[in-house]
Amino acid sequence: MTLVEVTYELQAPLSLEELRRLGQFANTYGLRRFRVDDPSKRLSFEYDASRLRETQVAHVLHAARIAVTRKVN
């Protein structure tokens, strides 16, 4: 298992509906956890790189309609 963390800058703080959609994302195979930092408007994901690619994480994030401005790391 190769754990990787990717962080995105959010366009705006997450709404309750967006948080609910993120909860559904938690069922994605290979995702270990996600963390929301409201003050800095950042969203971080820890995932198993042997099961997921960063592009898959970004795709699911887009499908959940979570607006990000850029990848931070």
N, C-alpha and C. Protein backbone atom coordinates (compact mmCIF):
# COMPACT_ATOMS: atom_id res chain seq x y z
N MET A 1 0.85 -1.17 0.00
CA MET A 1 0.00 0.00 0.00
C MET A 1 0.90 1.24 0.00
N THR A 2 0.59 2.16 -0.88
CA THR A 2 1.31 3.42 -0.99
C THR A 2 0.35 4.56 -0.71
N LEU A 3 0.49 5.17 0.45
CA LEU A 3 -0.42 6.26 0.81
C LEU A 3 0.08 7.59 0.24
N VAL A 4 -0.85 8.32 -0.35
CA VAL A 4 -0.57 9.62 -0.96
C VAL A 4 -1.62 10.59 -0.46
N GLU A 5 -1.21 11.85 -0.26
CA GLU A 5 -2.17 12.88 0.11
C GLU A 5 -2.14 13.98 -0.94
N VAL A 6 -3.31 14.40 -1.35
CA VAL A 6 -3.45 15.50 -2.30
C VAL A 6 -4.38 16.54 -1.68
N THR A 7 -4.04 17.81 -1.86
CA THR A 7 -4.81 18.90 -1.28
C THR A 7 -5.25 19.86 -2.37
N TYR A 8 -6.50 20.27 -2.29
CA TYR A 8 -7.08 21.21 -3.25
C TYR A 8 -7.54 22.45 -2.50
N GLU A 9 -7.45 23.58 -3.18
CA GLU A 9 -7.99 24.82 -2.65
C GLU A 9 -9.42 24.96 -3.17
N LEU A 10 -10.34 25.19 -2.26
CA LEU A 10 -11.76 25.32 -2.62
C LEU A 10 -12.09 26.73 -3.07
N GLN A 11 -13.06 26.86 -3.95
CA GLN A 11 -13.51 28.18 -4.37
C GLN A 11 -14.24 28.89 -3.24
N ALA A 12 -14.95 28.13 -2.43
CA ALA A 12 -15.72 28.68 -1.31
C ALA A 12 -15.85 27.60 -0.24
N PRO A 13 -16.15 27.98 0.99
CA PRO A 13 -16.39 26.95 2.02
C PRO A 13 -17.49 26.00 1.55
N LEU A 14 -17.40 24.76 1.99
CA LEU A 14 -18.36 23.75 1.56
C LEU A 14 -19.72 23.94 2.22
N SER A 15 -20.76 23.73 1.45
CA SER A 15 -22.12 23.77 1.97
C SER A 15 -22.45 22.42 2.60
N LEU A 16 -23.56 22.34 3.30
CA LEU A 16 -23.97 21.06 3.89
C LEU A 16 -24.22 20.02 2.80
N GLU A 17 -24.79 20.43 1.68
CA GLU A 17 -25.04 19.50 0.57
C GLU A 17 -23.73 18.98 -0.01
N GLU A 18 -22.74 19.84 -0.15
CA GLU A 18 -21.44 19.40 -0.66
C GLU A 18 -20.76 18.44 0.32
N LEU A 19 -20.90 18.71 1.61
CA LEU A 19 -20.35 17.79 2.61
C LEU A 19 -21.04 16.43 2.54
N ARG A 20 -22.34 16.42 2.30
CA ARG A 20 -23.07 15.16 2.16
C ARG A 20 -22.53 14.38 0.96
N ARG A 21 -22.30 15.08 -0.15
CA ARG A 21 -21.77 14.41 -1.34
C ARG A 21 -20.36 13.88 -1.09
N LEU A 22 -19.58 14.61 -0.30
CA LEU A 22 -18.25 14.12 0.06
C LEU A 22 -18.35 12.84 0.89
N GLY A 23 -19.36 12.76 1.74
CA GLY A 23 -19.58 11.55 2.53
C GLY A 23 -19.81 10.34 1.64
N GLN A 24 -20.47 10.53 0.51
CA GLN A 24 -20.67 9.43 -0.44
C GLN A 24 -19.34 9.05 -1.09
N PHE A 25 -18.48 10.03 -1.30
CA PHE A 25 -17.16 9.80 -1.87
C PHE A 25 -16.33 8.89 -0.96
N ALA A 26 -16.61 8.93 0.33
CA ALA A 26 -15.86 8.12 1.29
C ALA A 26 -16.00 6.63 1.02
N ASN A 27 -17.00 6.23 0.25
CA ASN A 27 -17.17 4.82 -0.09
C ASN A 27 -16.30 4.39 -1.26
N THR A 28 -15.54 5.30 -1.84
CA THR A 28 -14.68 4.98 -2.97
C THR A 28 -13.55 4.07 -2.52
N TYR A 29 -13.38 2.97 -3.22
CA TYR A 29 -12.36 1.99 -2.87
C TYR A 29 -10.97 2.61 -3.00
N GLY A 30 -10.18 2.54 -1.95
CA GLY A 30 -8.83 3.08 -1.96
C GLY A 30 -8.70 4.40 -1.24
N LEU A 31 -9.81 5.09 -1.03
CA LEU A 31 -9.76 6.35 -0.29
C LEU A 31 -9.66 6.04 1.19
N ARG A 32 -8.67 6.61 1.84
CA ARG A 32 -8.47 6.35 3.26
C ARG A 32 -9.21 7.37 4.13
N ARG A 33 -9.09 8.65 3.77
CA ARG A 33 -9.78 9.69 4.54
C ARG A 33 -9.74 11.00 3.78
N PHE A 34 -10.59 11.91 4.19
CA PHE A 34 -10.51 13.27 3.68
C PHE A 34 -10.65 14.23 4.85
N ARG A 35 -10.10 15.42 4.67
CA ARG A 35 -10.09 16.42 5.74
C ARG A 35 -10.44 17.77 5.12
N VAL A 36 -11.34 18.48 5.75
CA VAL A 36 -11.75 19.81 5.30
C VAL A 36 -11.18 20.83 6.28
N ASP A 37 -10.50 21.83 5.75
CA ASP A 37 -9.99 22.93 6.57
C ASP A 37 -10.73 24.19 6.12
N ASP A 38 -11.82 24.50 6.81
CA ASP A 38 -12.67 25.63 6.43
C ASP A 38 -11.94 26.98 6.43
N PRO A 39 -11.16 27.31 7.47
CA PRO A 39 -10.52 28.64 7.46
C PRO A 39 -9.63 28.88 6.24
N SER A 40 -8.88 27.87 5.82
CA SER A 40 -7.99 28.05 4.67
C SER A 40 -8.64 27.61 3.35
N LYS A 41 -9.89 27.14 3.43
CA LYS A 41 -10.65 26.67 2.26
C LYS A 41 -9.86 25.60 1.49
N ARG A 42 -9.42 24.57 2.23
CA ARG A 42 -8.67 23.47 1.62
C ARG A 42 -9.33 22.14 1.93
N LEU A 43 -9.19 21.24 0.99
CA LEU A 43 -9.75 19.90 1.10
C LEU A 43 -8.64 18.92 0.76
N SER A 44 -8.32 18.02 1.69
CA SER A 44 -7.24 17.05 1.51
C SER A 44 -7.79 15.64 1.48
N PHE A 45 -7.20 14.82 0.63
CA PHE A 45 -7.57 13.41 0.52
C PHE A 45 -6.33 12.56 0.72
N GLU A 46 -6.47 11.52 1.53
CA GLU A 46 -5.42 10.51 1.65
C GLU A 46 -5.96 9.26 0.98
N TYR A 47 -5.19 8.72 0.05
CA TYR A 47 -5.66 7.55 -0.70
C TYR A 47 -4.53 6.58 -0.95
N ASP A 48 -4.90 5.36 -1.26
CA ASP A 48 -3.95 4.30 -1.57
C ASP A 48 -3.64 4.38 -3.07
N ALA A 49 -2.42 4.80 -3.39
CA ALA A 49 -2.03 5.00 -4.79
C ALA A 49 -1.93 3.69 -5.56
N SER A 50 -1.92 2.56 -4.88
CA SER A 50 -1.93 1.29 -5.60
C SER A 50 -3.35 0.92 -6.03
N ARG A 51 -4.34 1.65 -5.55
CA ARG A 51 -5.74 1.38 -5.90
C ARG A 51 -6.39 2.54 -6.68
N LEU A 52 -5.95 3.76 -6.42
CA LEU A 52 -6.51 4.95 -7.07
C LEU A 52 -5.39 5.78 -7.68
N ARG A 53 -5.72 6.52 -8.70
CA ARG A 53 -4.81 7.52 -9.26
C ARG A 53 -5.34 8.90 -8.88
N GLU A 54 -4.46 9.87 -8.90
CA GLU A 54 -4.87 11.23 -8.57
C GLU A 54 -5.94 11.73 -9.53
N THR A 55 -5.87 11.32 -10.78
CA THR A 55 -6.88 11.74 -11.75
C THR A 55 -8.26 11.17 -11.39
N GLN A 56 -8.30 9.98 -10.80
CA GLN A 56 -9.57 9.40 -10.37
C GLN A 56 -10.13 10.16 -9.19
N VAL A 57 -9.27 10.60 -8.28
CA VAL A 57 -9.72 11.40 -7.15
C VAL A 57 -10.31 12.71 -7.67
N ALA A 58 -9.62 13.36 -8.61
CA ALA A 58 -10.11 14.61 -9.19
C ALA A 58 -11.43 14.40 -9.93
N HIS A 59 -11.57 13.27 -10.63
CA HIS A 59 -12.80 12.98 -11.37
C HIS A 59 -13.99 12.82 -10.42
N VAL A 60 -13.82 12.08 -9.35
CA VAL A 60 -14.91 11.88 -8.39
C VAL A 60 -15.24 13.20 -7.70
N LEU A 61 -14.23 14.00 -7.42
CA LEU A 61 -14.46 15.31 -6.82
C LEU A 61 -15.29 16.18 -7.76
N HIS A 62 -14.98 16.15 -9.04
CA HIS A 62 -15.74 16.90 -10.04
C HIS A 62 -17.17 16.36 -10.14
N ALA A 63 -17.31 15.04 -10.11
CA ALA A 63 -18.64 14.42 -10.19
C ALA A 63 -19.51 14.80 -8.99
N ALA A 64 -18.88 15.04 -7.85
CA ALA A 64 -19.61 15.47 -6.65
C ALA A 64 -19.90 16.97 -6.68
N ARG A 65 -19.49 17.63 -7.75
CA ARG A 65 -19.73 19.07 -7.94
C ARG A 65 -19.10 19.91 -6.82
N ILE A 66 -17.87 19.54 -6.45
CA ILE A 66 -17.10 20.31 -5.48
C ILE A 66 -16.15 21.21 -6.28
N ALA A 67 -16.34 22.51 -6.19
CA ALA A 67 -15.57 23.47 -6.99
C ALA A 67 -14.22 23.75 -6.32
N VAL A 68 -13.15 23.45 -7.04
CA VAL A 68 -11.81 23.74 -6.55
C VAL A 68 -11.13 24.71 -7.50
N THR A 69 -10.21 25.51 -6.97
CA THR A 69 -9.49 26.46 -7.81
C THR A 69 -8.18 25.89 -8.33
N ARG A 70 -7.52 25.08 -7.47
CA ARG A 70 -6.25 24.52 -7.88
C ARG A 70 -5.81 23.42 -6.93
N LYS A 71 -4.88 22.63 -7.38
CA LYS A 71 -4.25 21.63 -6.53
C LYS A 71 -3.11 22.34 -5.79
N VAL A 72 -3.03 22.13 -4.48
CA VAL A 72 -2.05 22.83 -3.66
C VAL A 72 -0.72 22.07 -3.61
N ASN A 73 -0.77 20.76 -3.51
CA ASN A 73 0.49 19.99 -3.46
C ASN A 73 0.49 18.89 -4.47
